[in-house]
C-alpha atoms as a PDB file:
ATOM      1  CA  MET A   1     103.287 107.659  56.013  1.00  0.00           C
ATOM      2  CA  THR A   2     100.134 107.252  58.119  1.00  0.00           C
ATOM      3  CA  PRO A   3      99.242 103.565  58.561  1.00  0.00           C
ATOM      4  CA  ASP A   4      96.106 102.494  56.701  1.00  0.00           C
ATOM      5  CA  PRO A   5      93.568 100.836  59.031  1.00  0.00           C
ATOM      6  CA  GLU A   6      91.887  99.283  55.999  1.00  0.00           C
ATOM      7  CA  ALA A   7      95.085  97.353  55.275  1.00  0.00           C
ATOM      8  CA  PHE A   8      95.413  96.066  58.845  1.00  0.00           C
ATOM      9  CA  ARG A   9      94.183  92.515  59.358  1.00  0.00           C
ATOM     10  CA  PHE A  10      93.016  91.826  62.894  1.00  0.00           C
ATOM     11  CA  GLU A  11      93.325  88.148  63.791  1.00  0.00           C
ATOM     12  CA  PRO A  12      90.295  87.154  65.933  1.00  0.00           C
ATOM     13  CA  ASP A  13      92.071  84.079  67.362  1.00  0.00           C
ATOM     14  CA  VAL A  14      94.184  85.385  70.237  1.00  0.00           C
ATOM     15  CA  ALA A  15      96.434  82.311  70.022  1.00  0.00           C
ATOM     16  CA  GLU A  16      97.393  83.293  66.467  1.00  0.00           C
ATOM     17  CA  ALA A  17      97.230  87.069  66.748  1.00  0.00           C
ATOM     18  CA  SER A  18      99.882  89.770  66.932  1.00  0.00           C
ATOM     19  CA  THR A  19      99.509  93.146  68.640  1.00  0.00           C
ATOM     20  CA  LEU A  20      98.945  96.493  66.945  1.00  0.00           C
ATOM     21  CA  PRO A  21     101.868  97.886  64.920  1.00  0.00           C
ATOM     22  CA  ALA A  22     104.114 100.290  66.829  1.00  0.00           C
ATOM     23  CA  SER A  23     103.287 103.052  64.334  1.00  0.00           C
ATOM     24  CA  TRP A  24      99.680 103.067  65.567  1.00  0.00           C
ATOM     25  CA  TYR A  25     100.955 104.473  68.870  1.00  0.00           C
ATOM     26  CA  ARG A  26     103.014 107.286  67.371  1.00  0.00           C
ATOM     27  CA  ASP A  27     101.548 108.522  64.084  1.00  0.00           C
ATOM     28  CA  PRO A  28      99.808 111.960  64.065  1.00  0.00           C
ATOM     29  CA  GLY A  29      97.600 111.002  61.113  1.00  0.00           C
ATOM     30  CA  LEU A  30      96.248 107.938  62.867  1.00  0.00           C
ATOM     31  CA  PHE A  31      95.760 109.985  66.042  1.00  0.00           C
ATOM     32  CA  ALA A  32      93.538 112.401  64.077  1.00  0.00           C
ATOM     33  CA  LEU A  33      91.633 109.494  62.554  1.00  0.00           C
ATOM     34  CA  GLU A  34      90.990 108.065  66.039  1.00  0.00           C
ATOM     35  CA  ARG A  35      89.466 111.343  67.162  1.00  0.00           C
ATOM     36  CA  ASP A  36      87.041 111.265  64.227  1.00  0.00           C
ATOM     37  CA  ARG A  37      86.192 107.563  64.046  1.00  0.00           C
ATOM     38  CA  VAL A  38      86.543 106.490  67.674  1.00  0.00           C
ATOM     39  CA  PHE A  39      86.023 109.359  70.127  1.00  0.00           C
ATOM     40  CA  ALA A  40      83.479 111.284  68.034  1.00  0.00           C
ATOM     41  CA  ARG A  41      81.385 108.132  67.568  1.00  0.00           C
ATOM     42  CA  THR A  42      81.310 106.727  71.098  1.00  0.00           C
ATOM     43  CA  TRP A  43      79.705 107.762  74.393  1.00  0.00           C
ATOM     44  CA  GLN A  44      82.050 109.972  76.375  1.00  0.00           C
ATOM     45  CA  LEU A  45      81.783 110.703  80.096  1.00  0.00           C
ATOM     46  CA  VAL A  46      81.518 114.493  80.464  1.00  0.00           C
ATOM     47  CA  GLY A  47      80.268 115.148  84.003  1.00  0.00           C
ATOM     48  CA  ARG A  48      77.671 114.492  86.691  1.00  0.00           C
ATOM     49  CA  ALA A  49      73.978 115.221  86.971  1.00  0.00           C
ATOM     50  CA  GLU A  50      74.582 117.185  90.198  1.00  0.00           C
ATOM     51  CA  GLN A  51      76.447 119.799  88.129  1.00  0.00           C
ATOM     52  CA  VAL A  52      73.149 120.716  86.428  1.00  0.00           C
ATOM     53  CA  ALA A  53      70.754 120.136  89.319  1.00  0.00           C
ATOM     54  CA  ARG A  54      68.577 123.239  88.679  1.00  0.00           C
ATOM     55  CA  ASP A  55      67.046 124.765  85.569  1.00  0.00           C
ATOM     56  CA  GLY A  56      69.676 126.987  83.974  1.00  0.00           C
ATOM     57  CA  ASP A  57      72.652 125.216  85.530  1.00  0.00           C
ATOM     58  CA  TYR A  58      75.330 124.537  82.910  1.00  0.00           C
ATOM     59  CA  PHE A  59      78.943 123.506  82.408  1.00  0.00           C
ATOM     60  CA  THR A  60      81.238 123.511  79.394  1.00  0.00           C
ATOM     61  CA  THR A  61      83.324 120.598  78.163  1.00  0.00           C
ATOM     62  CA  GLU A  62      84.818 119.028  75.022  1.00  0.00           C
ATOM     63  CA  VAL A  63      84.353 115.721  73.222  1.00  0.00           C
ATOM     64  CA  ALA A  64      86.762 114.770  70.439  1.00  0.00           C
ATOM     65  CA  GLY A  65      87.851 118.414  70.236  1.00  0.00           C
ATOM     66  CA  GLU A  66      84.254 119.633  69.894  1.00  0.00           C
ATOM     67  CA  PRO A  67      83.369 122.473  72.346  1.00  0.00           C
ATOM     68  CA  LEU A  68      80.092 121.725  74.159  1.00  0.00           C
ATOM     69  CA  VAL A  69      77.796 123.223  76.771  1.00  0.00           C
ATOM     70  CA  VAL A  70      75.639 120.927  78.918  1.00  0.00           C
ATOM     71  CA  VAL A  71      72.562 122.545  80.514  1.00  0.00           C
ATOM     72  CA  ARG A  72      69.344 121.721  82.328  1.00  0.00           C
ATOM     73  CA  VAL A  73      66.570 123.479  80.423  1.00  0.00           C
ATOM     74  CA  GLU A  74      63.235 124.813  81.677  1.00  0.00           C
ATOM     75  CA  ASP A  75      61.368 121.534  81.198  1.00  0.00           C
ATOM     76  CA  GLY A  76      63.843 119.754  83.498  1.00  0.00           C
ATOM     77  CA  THR A  77      65.665 117.795  80.794  1.00  0.00           C
ATOM     78  CA  ILE A  78      69.425 117.879  80.341  1.00  0.00           C
ATOM     79  CA  ARG A  79      70.636 118.953  76.910  1.00  0.00           C
ATOM     80  CA  ALA A  80      74.032 119.308  75.227  1.00  0.00           C
ATOM     81  CA  PHE A  81      74.731 121.875  72.527  1.00  0.00           C
ATOM     82  CA  SER A  82      77.637 123.044  70.440  1.00  0.00           C
ATOM     83  CA  ASN A  83      79.451 125.792  72.315  1.00  0.00           C
ATOM     84  CA  VAL A  84      80.175 127.575  69.042  1.00  0.00           C
ATOM     85  CA  CYS A  85      78.177 130.614  67.976  1.00  0.00           C
ATOM     86  CA  ARG A  86      76.577 130.304  64.533  1.00  0.00           C
ATOM     87  CA  HIS A  87      77.802 133.790  63.613  1.00  0.00           C
ATOM     88  CA  ARG A  88      81.613 133.691  63.696  1.00  0.00           C
ATOM     89  CA  ALA A  89      82.422 130.746  65.961  1.00  0.00           C
ATOM     90  CA  GLY A  90      82.769 132.515  69.309  1.00  0.00           C
ATOM     91  CA  PRO A  91      81.964 130.645  72.556  1.00  0.00           C
ATOM     92  CA  VAL A  92      78.380 131.010  73.779  1.00  0.00           C
ATOM     93  CA  ALA A  93      79.303 129.883  77.313  1.00  0.00           C
ATOM     94  CA  GLN A  94      82.390 129.681  79.489  1.00  0.00           C
ATOM     95  CA  GLY A  95      83.163 127.632  82.584  1.00  0.00           C
ATOM     96  CA  ALA A  96      80.106 126.689  84.609  1.00  0.00           C
ATOM     97  CA  GLY A  97      77.259 128.481  86.376  1.00  0.00           C
ATOM     98  CA  ARG A  98      73.575 129.326  85.993  1.00  0.00           C
ATOM     99  CA  ARG A  99      71.999 131.338  83.173  1.00  0.00           C
ATOM    100  CA  ARG A 100      68.629 132.261  81.714  1.00  0.00           C
ATOM    101  CA  ALA A 101      70.216 132.396  78.265  1.00  0.00           C
ATOM    102  CA  PHE A 102      73.613 132.052  76.610  1.00  0.00           C
ATOM    103  CA  ARG A 103      75.365 135.133  75.241  1.00  0.00           C
ATOM    104  CA  CYS A 104      78.228 134.763  72.794  1.00  0.00           C
ATOM    105  CA  GLY A 105      81.417 136.256  74.198  1.00  0.00           C
ATOM    106  CA  TYR A 106      82.425 137.639  70.795  1.00  0.00           C
ATOM    107  CA  HIS A 107      79.522 139.682  69.350  1.00  0.00           C
ATOM    108  CA  GLY A 108      76.738 139.181  71.875  1.00  0.00           C
ATOM    109  CA  TRP A 109      74.362 136.878  70.002  1.00  0.00           C
ATOM    110  CA  ILE A 110      71.893 135.382  72.485  1.00  0.00           C
ATOM    111  CA  TYR A 111      70.595 131.821  72.545  1.00  0.00           C
ATOM    112  CA  GLY A 112      67.911 130.343  74.787  1.00  0.00           C
ATOM    113  CA  LEU A 113      68.638 127.410  77.054  1.00  0.00           C
ATOM    114  CA  ASP A 114      66.951 125.284  74.402  1.00  0.00           C
ATOM    115  CA  GLY A 115      69.599 126.357  71.875  1.00  0.00           C
ATOM    116  CA  ARG A 116      67.348 128.597  69.783  1.00  0.00           C
ATOM    117  CA  LEU A 117      68.743 131.903  68.533  1.00  0.00           C
ATOM    118  CA  GLN A 118      66.893 134.758  70.229  1.00  0.00           C
ATOM    119  CA  SER A 119      68.616 137.997  69.218  1.00  0.00           C
ATOM    120  CA  MET A 120      71.502 139.456  67.204  1.00  0.00           C
ATOM    121  CA  PRO A 121      72.753 143.017  67.912  1.00  0.00           C
ATOM    122  CA  ASP A 122      72.905 145.441  64.965  1.00  0.00           C
ATOM    123  CA  TRP A 123      71.499 142.958  62.472  1.00  0.00           C
ATOM    124  CA  GLU A 124      69.254 145.291  60.535  1.00  0.00           C
ATOM    125  CA  GLY A 125      69.560 145.088  56.768  1.00  0.00           C
ATOM    126  CA  VAL A 126      70.670 141.452  56.569  1.00  0.00           C
ATOM    127  CA  ARG A 127      68.615 139.680  53.885  1.00  0.00           C
ATOM    128  CA  ARG A 128      67.654 136.023  53.455  1.00  0.00           C
ATOM    129  CA  PHE A 129      68.502 135.160  57.056  1.00  0.00           C
ATOM    130  CA  ASP A 130      66.261 132.850  59.130  1.00  0.00           C
ATOM    131  CA  PRO A 131      66.994 132.860  62.891  1.00  0.00           C
ATOM    132  CA  ALA A 132      65.010 129.631  63.299  1.00  0.00           C
ATOM    133  CA  ALA A 133      67.592 127.875  61.136  1.00  0.00           C
ATOM    134  CA  GLU A 134      70.493 129.094  63.293  1.00  0.00           C
ATOM    135  CA  SER A 135      69.887 127.140  66.504  1.00  0.00           C
ATOM    136  CA  LEU A 136      72.888 125.630  68.271  1.00  0.00           C
ATOM    137  CA  PRO A 137      73.423 122.042  67.056  1.00  0.00           C
ATOM    138  CA  SER A 138      72.255 119.549  69.676  1.00  0.00           C
ATOM    139  CA  MET A 139      74.113 116.418  70.817  1.00  0.00           C
ATOM    140  CA  ARG A 140      72.807 113.253  72.461  1.00  0.00           C
ATOM    141  CA  VAL A 141      72.934 113.080  76.275  1.00  0.00           C
ATOM    142  CA  GLU A 142      72.272 109.987  78.390  1.00  0.00           C
ATOM    143  CA  SER A 143      73.010 109.051  81.988  1.00  0.00           C
ATOM    144  CA  PHE A 144      74.260 106.081  83.982  1.00  0.00           C
ATOM    145  CA  GLY A 145      73.996 106.395  87.750  1.00  0.00           C
ATOM    146  CA  PRO A 146      75.215 109.919  88.610  1.00  0.00           C
ATOM    147  CA  PHE A 147      77.171 110.257  85.361  1.00  0.00           C
ATOM    148  CA  LEU A 148      76.368 112.160  82.175  1.00  0.00           C
ATOM    149  CA  PHE A 149      77.568 110.950  78.779  1.00  0.00           C
ATOM    150  CA  VAL A 150      77.509 112.711  75.407  1.00  0.00           C
ATOM    151  CA  CYS A 151      77.778 111.199  71.935  1.00  0.00           C
ATOM    152  CA  LEU A 152      78.383 113.325  68.844  1.00  0.00           C
ATOM    153  CA  ASP A 153      77.221 110.593  66.444  1.00  0.00           C
ATOM    154  CA  PRO A 154      73.428 110.485  65.969  1.00  0.00           C
ATOM    155  CA  ALA A 155      73.715 106.993  64.474  1.00  0.00           C
ATOM    156  CA  ALA A 156      75.701 105.395  67.321  1.00  0.00           C
ATOM    157  CA  PRO A 157      73.983 102.773  69.522  1.00  0.00           C
ATOM    158  CA  SER A 158      72.457 103.978  72.786  1.00  0.00           C
ATOM    159  CA  LEU A 159      74.432 104.283  75.998  1.00  0.00           C
ATOM    160  CA  PRO A 160      72.753 101.152  77.479  1.00  0.00           C
ATOM    161  CA  ALA A 161      73.859  99.231  74.389  1.00  0.00           C
ATOM    162  CA  ALA A 162      77.423 100.455  74.890  1.00  0.00           C
ATOM    163  CA  LEU A 163      77.451  99.580  78.606  1.00  0.00           C
ATOM    164  CA  GLY A 164      75.854  96.177  78.053  1.00  0.00           C
ATOM    165  CA  ALA A 165      75.795  93.922  81.122  1.00  0.00           C
ATOM    166  CA  ILE A 166      77.374  96.607  83.319  1.00  0.00           C
ATOM    167  CA  ILE A 167      73.951  98.141  83.957  1.00  0.00           C
ATOM    168  CA  ASP A 168      72.378  94.944  85.296  1.00  0.00           C
ATOM    169  CA  GLU A 169      75.500  93.812  87.152  1.00  0.00           C
ATOM    170  CA  THR A 170      75.699  97.087  89.090  1.00  0.00           C
ATOM    171  CA  ALA A 171      71.960  97.773  89.490  1.00  0.00           C
ATOM    172  CA  HIS A 172      72.064  96.844  93.183  1.00  0.00           C
ATOM    173  CA  LEU A 173      74.799  99.384  93.970  1.00  0.00           C
ATOM    174  CA  PRO A 174      73.717 102.846  95.235  1.00  0.00           C
ATOM    175  CA  LEU A 175      75.646 104.717  92.532  1.00  0.00           C
ATOM    176  CA  GLU A 176      73.367 107.765  92.455  1.00  0.00           C
ATOM    177  CA  ARG A 177      73.878 108.350  96.195  1.00  0.00           C
ATOM    178  CA  MET A 178      77.672 108.311  96.015  1.00  0.00           C
ATOM    179  CA  ARG A 179      79.388 111.695  96.204  1.00  0.00           C
ATOM    180  CA  ARG A 180      82.648 112.800  94.640  1.00  0.00           C
ATOM    181  CA  VAL A 181      85.399 113.388  97.175  1.00  0.00           C
ATOM    182  CA  ARG A 182      88.522 113.859  95.049  1.00  0.00           C
ATOM    183  CA  THR A 183      89.726 114.387  91.472  1.00  0.00           C
ATOM    184  CA  VAL A 184      93.326 113.880  90.326  1.00  0.00           C
ATOM    185  CA  ASP A 185      94.633 114.607  86.812  1.00  0.00           C
ATOM    186  CA  ASP A 186      97.940 113.216  85.559  1.00  0.00           C
ATOM    187  CA  GLU A 187      99.648 113.992  82.253  1.00  0.00           C
ATOM    188  CA  ILE A 188     101.598 111.016  80.934  1.00  0.00           C
ATOM    189  CA  ALA A 189     104.181 110.774  78.150  1.00  0.00           C
ATOM    190  CA  CYS A 190     102.510 107.937  76.276  1.00  0.00           C
ATOM    191  CA  ASN A 191      99.829 107.273  73.685  1.00  0.00           C
ATOM    192  CA  TRP A 192      96.346 106.768  75.129  1.00  0.00           C
ATOM    193  CA  LYS A 193      96.283 103.172  73.846  1.00  0.00           C
ATOM    194  CA  VAL A 194      99.400 102.276  75.852  1.00  0.00           C
ATOM    195  CA  TYR A 195      97.549 103.225  79.021  1.00  0.00           C
ATOM    196  CA  VAL A 196      94.415 101.284  78.023  1.00  0.00           C
ATOM    197  CA  ASP A 197      96.499  98.237  77.022  1.00  0.00           C
ATOM    198  CA  ASN A 198      98.026  98.317  80.488  1.00  0.00           C
ATOM    199  CA  TYR A 199      94.668  98.597  82.288  1.00  0.00           C
ATOM    200  CA  VAL A 200      92.883  95.728  80.541  1.00  0.00           C
ATOM    201  CA  GLU A 201      95.390  93.042  81.568  1.00  0.00           C
ATOM    202  CA  GLY A 202      96.775  91.808  84.869  1.00  0.00           C
ATOM    203  CA  TYR A 203      99.798  90.123  83.290  1.00  0.00           C
ATOM    204  CA  HIS A 204     102.094  92.922  84.479  1.00  0.00           C
ATOM    205  CA  ILE A 205     100.928  92.947  88.100  1.00  0.00           C
ATOM    206  CA  PRO A 206     103.587  90.583  89.578  1.00  0.00           C
ATOM    207  CA  ILE A 207     106.395  92.685  88.072  1.00  0.00           C
ATOM    208  CA  VAL A 208     105.070  96.250  88.077  1.00  0.00           C
ATOM    209  CA  HIS A 209     102.852  96.254  91.196  1.00  0.00           C
ATOM    210  CA  PRO A 210     104.521  94.190  93.938  1.00  0.00           C
ATOM    211  CA  GLY A 211     102.404  95.790  96.668  1.00  0.00           C
ATOM    212  CA  LEU A 212      99.163  95.100  94.841  1.00  0.00           C
ATOM    213  CA  PHE A 213     100.336  91.608  93.909  1.00  0.00           C
ATOM    214  CA  ARG A 214     100.698  90.703  97.587  1.00  0.00           C
ATOM    215  CA  ARG A 215      97.055  91.642  98.157  1.00  0.00           C
ATOM    216  CA  LEU A 216      95.608  89.746  95.163  1.00  0.00           C
ATOM    217  CA  ASP A 217      94.886  86.098  94.502  1.00  0.00           C
ATOM    218  CA  TYR A 218      96.717  86.290  91.189  1.00  0.00           C
ATOM    219  CA  GLY A 219      95.950  82.694  90.294  1.00  0.00           C
ATOM    220  CA  ALA A 220      92.236  83.553  90.231  1.00  0.00           C
ATOM    221  CA  TYR A 221      92.704  86.806  88.280  1.00  0.00           C
ATOM    222  CA  ALA A 222      90.664  86.769  85.059  1.00  0.00           C
ATOM    223  CA  VAL A 223      89.315  89.084  82.367  1.00  0.00           C
ATOM    224  CA  GLU A 224      85.894  88.625  80.733  1.00  0.00           C
ATOM    225  CA  THR A 225      85.189  90.356  77.425  1.00  0.00           C
ATOM    226  CA  ALA A 226      81.773  91.108  75.942  1.00  0.00           C
ATOM    227  CA  GLY A 227      80.563  93.602  73.358  1.00  0.00           C
ATOM    228  CA  SER A 228      82.273  96.949  73.866  1.00  0.00           C
ATOM    229  CA  HIS A 229      83.457  96.380  77.431  1.00  0.00           C
ATOM    230  CA  SER A 230      85.486  94.008  79.581  1.00  0.00           C
ATOM    231  CA  LYS A 231      85.411  93.067  83.249  1.00  0.00           C
ATOM    232  CA  GLN A 232      88.308  92.072  85.463  1.00  0.00           C
ATOM    233  CA  HIS A 233      88.032  89.789  88.468  1.00  0.00           C
ATOM    234  CA  ALA A 234      90.776  90.497  90.985  1.00  0.00           C
ATOM    235  CA  PRO A 235      89.939  88.684  94.247  1.00  0.00           C
ATOM    236  CA  LEU A 236      91.788  89.806  97.362  1.00  0.00           C
ATOM    237  CA  ARG A 237      93.735  87.301  99.400  1.00  0.00           C
ATOM    238  CA  THR A 238      91.958  86.022 102.497  1.00  0.00           C
ATOM    239  CA  GLY A 239      92.153  88.515 105.340  1.00  0.00           C
ATOM    240  CA  ASP A 240      92.993  91.537 103.187  1.00  0.00           C
ATOM    241  CA  GLY A 241      89.509  93.149 103.234  1.00  0.00           C
ATOM    242  CA  ALA A 242      88.681  95.471 100.368  1.00  0.00           C
ATOM    243  CA  ALA A 243      88.312  99.190 100.729  1.00  0.00           C
ATOM    244  CA  GLY A 244      84.567  99.485 100.815  1.00  0.00           C
ATOM    245  CA  GLY A 245      84.043  96.803 103.400  1.00  0.00           C
ATOM    246  CA  GLY A 246      83.326  93.790 101.206  1.00  0.00           C
ATOM    247  CA  ALA A 247      84.867  91.247  98.890  1.00  0.00           C
ATOM    248  CA  GLU A 248      82.568  92.157  95.999  1.00  0.00           C
ATOM    249  CA  ALA A 249      84.159  94.405  93.389  1.00  0.00           C
ATOM    250  CA  PHE A 250      83.743  95.137  89.699  1.00  0.00           C
ATOM    251  CA  TYR A 251      86.550  96.444  87.473  1.00  0.00           C
ATOM    252  CA  TYR A 252      85.185  97.511  84.092  1.00  0.00           C
ATOM    253  CA  TRP A 253      86.653  99.024  80.972  1.00  0.00           C
ATOM    254  CA  VAL A 254      84.285 100.592  78.414  1.00  0.00           C
ATOM    255  CA  PHE A 255      85.507 101.217  74.861  1.00  0.00           C
ATOM    256  CA  PRO A 256      87.410 103.306  74.178  1.00  0.00           C
ATOM    257  CA  ASN A 257      88.644 105.183  77.262  1.00  0.00           C
ATOM    258  CA  LEU A 258      86.621 104.711  80.462  1.00  0.00           C
ATOM    259  CA  MET A 259      87.456 102.610  83.529  1.00  0.00           C
ATOM    260  CA  LEU A 260      84.981 101.990  86.370  1.00  0.00           C
ATOM    261  CA  ASN A 261      86.130 100.378  89.618  1.00  0.00           C
ATOM    262  CA  LEU A 262      83.052  99.708  91.734  1.00  0.00           C
ATOM    263  CA  TYR A 263      82.675  98.564  95.342  1.00  0.00           C
ATOM    264  CA  PRO A 264      79.592  98.311  97.603  1.00  0.00           C
ATOM    265  CA  ASP A 265      80.088 101.813  99.028  1.00  0.00           C
ATOM    266  CA  ASN A 266      82.595 103.571  96.801  1.00  0.00           C
ATOM    267  CA  LEU A 267      83.688 103.819  93.192  1.00  0.00           C
ATOM    268  CA  GLN A 268      86.566 105.187  91.174  1.00  0.00           C
ATOM    269  CA  THR A 269      86.352 106.413  87.605  1.00  0.00           C
ATOM    270  CA  ASN A 270      89.341 106.845  85.329  1.00  0.00           C
ATOM    271  CA  LEU A 271      88.912 108.708  82.064  1.00  0.00           C
ATOM    272  CA  VAL A 272      91.758 108.458  79.546  1.00  0.00           C
ATOM    273  CA  LEU A 273      91.963 111.635  77.459  1.00  0.00           C
ATOM    274  CA  PRO A 274      94.272 111.741  74.403  1.00  0.00           C
ATOM    275  CA  LEU A 275      96.282 114.963  74.119  1.00  0.00           C
ATOM    276  CA  SER A 276      98.645 114.107  71.259  1.00  0.00           C
ATOM    277  CA  PRO A 277     100.091 110.943  69.705  1.00  0.00           C
ATOM    278  CA  GLU A 278     102.504 110.621  72.623  1.00  0.00           C
ATOM    279  CA  ARG A 279     100.790 112.434  75.504  1.00  0.00           C
ATOM    280  CA  THR A 280      97.709 111.466  77.527  1.00  0.00           C
ATOM    281  CA  ARG A 281      95.785 112.852  80.478  1.00  0.00           C
ATOM    282  CA  THR A 282      94.183 110.506  83.000  1.00  0.00           C
ATOM    283  CA  ARG A 283      91.413 111.842  85.218  1.00  0.00           C
ATOM    284  CA  PHE A 284      90.728 109.834  88.378  1.00  0.00           C
ATOM    285  CA  GLU A 285      87.644 110.636  90.441  1.00  0.00           C
ATOM    286  CA  TRP A 286      86.723 108.996  93.756  1.00  0.00           C
ATOM    287  CA  TYR A 287      83.132 108.687  94.995  1.00  0.00           C
ATOM    288  CA  LEU A 288      81.966 107.586  98.456  1.00  0.00           C
ATOM    289  CA  LEU A 289      78.631 106.571  99.917  1.00  0.00           C
ATOM    290  CA  GLU A 290      78.002 108.666 103.024  1.00  0.00           C
ATOM    291  CA  PRO A 291      81.464 110.296 103.055  1.00  0.00           C
ATOM    292  CA  ASP A 292      80.768 111.873 106.449  1.00  0.00           C
ATOM    293  CA  ARG A 293      80.099 108.584 108.237  1.00  0.00           C
ATOM    294  CA  PRO A 294      82.534 107.543 111.027  1.00  0.00           C
ATOM    295  CA  GLY A 295      85.644 105.912 109.633  1.00  0.00           C
ATOM    296  CA  ALA A 296      84.961 106.896 106.020  1.00  0.00           C
ATOM    297  CA  SER A 297      87.901 109.292 105.793  1.00  0.00           C
ATOM    298  CA  GLU A 298      90.326 106.679 107.131  1.00  0.00           C
ATOM    299  CA  GLU A 299      89.035 104.045 104.688  1.00  0.00           C
ATOM    300  CA  PHE A 300      89.361 106.486 101.827  1.00  0.00           C
ATOM    301  CA  ALA A 301      92.896 107.472 102.838  1.00  0.00           C
ATOM    302  CA  ARG A 302      94.000 103.823 102.642  1.00  0.00           C
ATOM    303  CA  SER A 303      92.259 103.280  99.310  1.00  0.00           C
ATOM    304  CA  PHE A 304      93.680 106.504  97.872  1.00  0.00           C
ATOM    305  CA  ALA A 305      97.221 105.669  98.976  1.00  0.00           C
ATOM    306  CA  LEU A 306      97.089 102.296  97.217  1.00  0.00           C
ATOM    307  CA  ALA A 307      95.593 103.843  94.070  1.00  0.00           C
ATOM    308  CA  GLU A 308      98.307 106.515  93.985  1.00  0.00           C
ATOM    309  CA  GLU A 309     101.015 103.869  94.365  1.00  0.00           C
ATOM    310  CA  VAL A 310      99.562 101.794  91.519  1.00  0.00           C
ATOM    311  CA  GLN A 311      99.189 104.881  89.306  1.00  0.00           C
ATOM    312  CA  ARG A 312     102.836 105.906  89.827  1.00  0.00           C
ATOM    313  CA  GLU A 313     103.946 102.423  88.864  1.00  0.00           C
ATOM    314  CA  ASP A 314     101.655 102.375  85.815  1.00  0.00           C
ATOM    315  CA  VAL A 315     102.842 105.789  84.643  1.00  0.00           C
ATOM    316  CA  ALA A 316     106.479 104.716  84.830  1.00  0.00           C
ATOM    317  CA  VAL A 317     105.968 101.533  82.825  1.00  0.00           C
ATOM    318  CA  CYS A 318     103.658 103.197  80.255  1.00  0.00           C
ATOM    319  CA  GLU A 319     106.189 105.928  79.569  1.00  0.00           C
ATOM    320  CA  ALA A 320     108.933 103.304  79.197  1.00  0.00           C
ATOM    321  CA  VAL A 321     106.755 101.330  76.756  1.00  0.00           C
ATOM    322  CA  GLN A 322     106.101 104.466  74.682  1.00  0.00           C
ATOM    323  CA  LYS A 323     109.864 104.912  74.289  1.00  0.00           C
ATOM    324  CA  GLY A 324     110.207 101.256  73.356  1.00  0.00           C
ATOM    325  CA  LEU A 325     107.574 101.634  70.640  1.00  0.00           C
ATOM    326  CA  GLY A 326     109.953 104.059  68.922  1.00  0.00           C
ATOM    327  CA  SER A 327     112.690 101.443  68.677  1.00  0.00           C
ATOM    328  CA  ARG A 328     113.951 100.438  65.246  1.00  0.00           C
ATOM    329  CA  THR A 329     113.953  96.831  66.457  1.00  0.00           C
ATOM    330  CA  TYR A 330     110.272  96.540  67.437  1.00  0.00           C
ATOM    331  CA  ASP A 331     107.015  96.513  65.495  1.00  0.00           C
ATOM    332  CA  ARG A 332     104.521  93.925  66.827  1.00  0.00           C
ATOM    333  CA  GLY A 333     104.391  91.366  69.610  1.00  0.00           C
ATOM    334  CA  ARG A 334     102.183  88.414  70.592  1.00  0.00           C
ATOM    335  CA  TYR A 335      99.482  87.989  73.244  1.00  0.00           C
ATOM    336  CA  SER A 336      99.427  85.734  76.281  1.00  0.00           C
ATOM    337  CA  VAL A 337      96.316  83.619  75.667  1.00  0.00           C
ATOM    338  CA  ARG A 338      95.661  83.346  79.405  1.00  0.00           C
ATOM    339  CA  ARG A 339      96.482  86.877  80.484  1.00  0.00           C
ATOM    340  CA  GLU A 340      96.038  89.281  77.559  1.00  0.00           C
ATOM    341  CA  ASN A 341      92.631  88.472  76.098  1.00  0.00           C
ATOM    342  CA  GLY A 342      91.461  91.912  77.284  1.00  0.00           C
ATOM    343  CA  VAL A 343      94.162  93.652  75.223  1.00  0.00           C
ATOM    344  CA  HIS A 344      93.288  91.524  72.196  1.00  0.00           C
ATOM    345  CA  HIS A 345      89.597  92.438  72.635  1.00  0.00           C
ATOM    346  CA  PHE A 346      90.428  96.167  72.804  1.00  0.00           C
ATOM    347  CA  HIS A 347      92.570  95.968  69.673  1.00  0.00           C
ATOM    348  CA  GLY A 348      89.764  94.231  67.786  1.00  0.00           C
ATOM    349  CA  LEU A 349      87.257  96.919  68.726  1.00  0.00           C
ATOM    350  CA  LEU A 350      89.693  99.661  67.749  1.00  0.00           C
ATOM    351  CA  ALA A 351      90.525  98.087  64.405  1.00  0.00           C
ATOM    352  CA  ALA A 352      86.822  97.711  63.588  1.00  0.00           C
ATOM    353  CA  ALA A 353      86.083 101.322  64.573  1.00  0.00           C
ATOM    354  CA  LEU A 354      88.901 102.712  62.443  1.00  0.00           C
ATOM    355  CA  ARG A 355      87.689 100.754  59.401  1.00  0.00           C
ATOM    356  CA  ALA A 356      84.145 102.055  59.805  1.00  0.00           C
END
């Protein structure tokens, strides 16, 4: 039986609280509910402004299973529309490219870049049909730095409200001038929440990441929570020099599934994409400021090697945890007050969203 989020009592005091029930990481019914109440009602990273630099540039994507097309229209604005024809649900766009209009790949209905229905082949004789009422449904689009976000829920708070202090704390970084240099997708045999749980705490670092642990001042490691995001402080040990040429770094998680690791001249994004109750895709993207400058490729190679090592270690432990969540002997655990406040914060946000 699918667990009832309304019956779950989240304890706001981390010292008294227990973790989410194991069934929340395995149940197909709850997985479907998360897609509707969490992913369809939050801002989701879908791409970059450079992908739609010119009028008519577009790319297709999905949010919470909803097919979308993102396009720059004639007035220079960026719009997002349903990628589902109003006739019989064919796709109006595929892949990415540049168009003057969208043509459904099923029966050839044509829509303008503004989403309005323009023509329908062989439509004579149809009565009580108003083309003006058949425009492609529009979704909200907002940007942060070079990134484009879409939200399916017209009532959700704005993207700045969701990002909170992240905007001000990173305003001095040249995010819009950073360029993507690599993308890596991994498919992992675990629930998406297992991966997020793992990211928002450093408690596991001494055991799971011995190489990273040697670089960090673990005693000073801390997690700050606020609103719908959290920030991790992970100072490097003296003499270890961060990739990016400075000690300043920001490690953010944004509810429900986005990680941003920011340095003075590079950043990494990690998007956690649920595939099924027990499978998840992670999408890492690396961005550099002036990637052609002398020494940039060597710096990136070192940073990428460490990130790949940490990811391999995280994947192994997350897949082991997913198996453990299926044990007959386990249901819920407790939180470390000092080290797992970020996990507790995530669980509170999730519980509230599922009760909405």
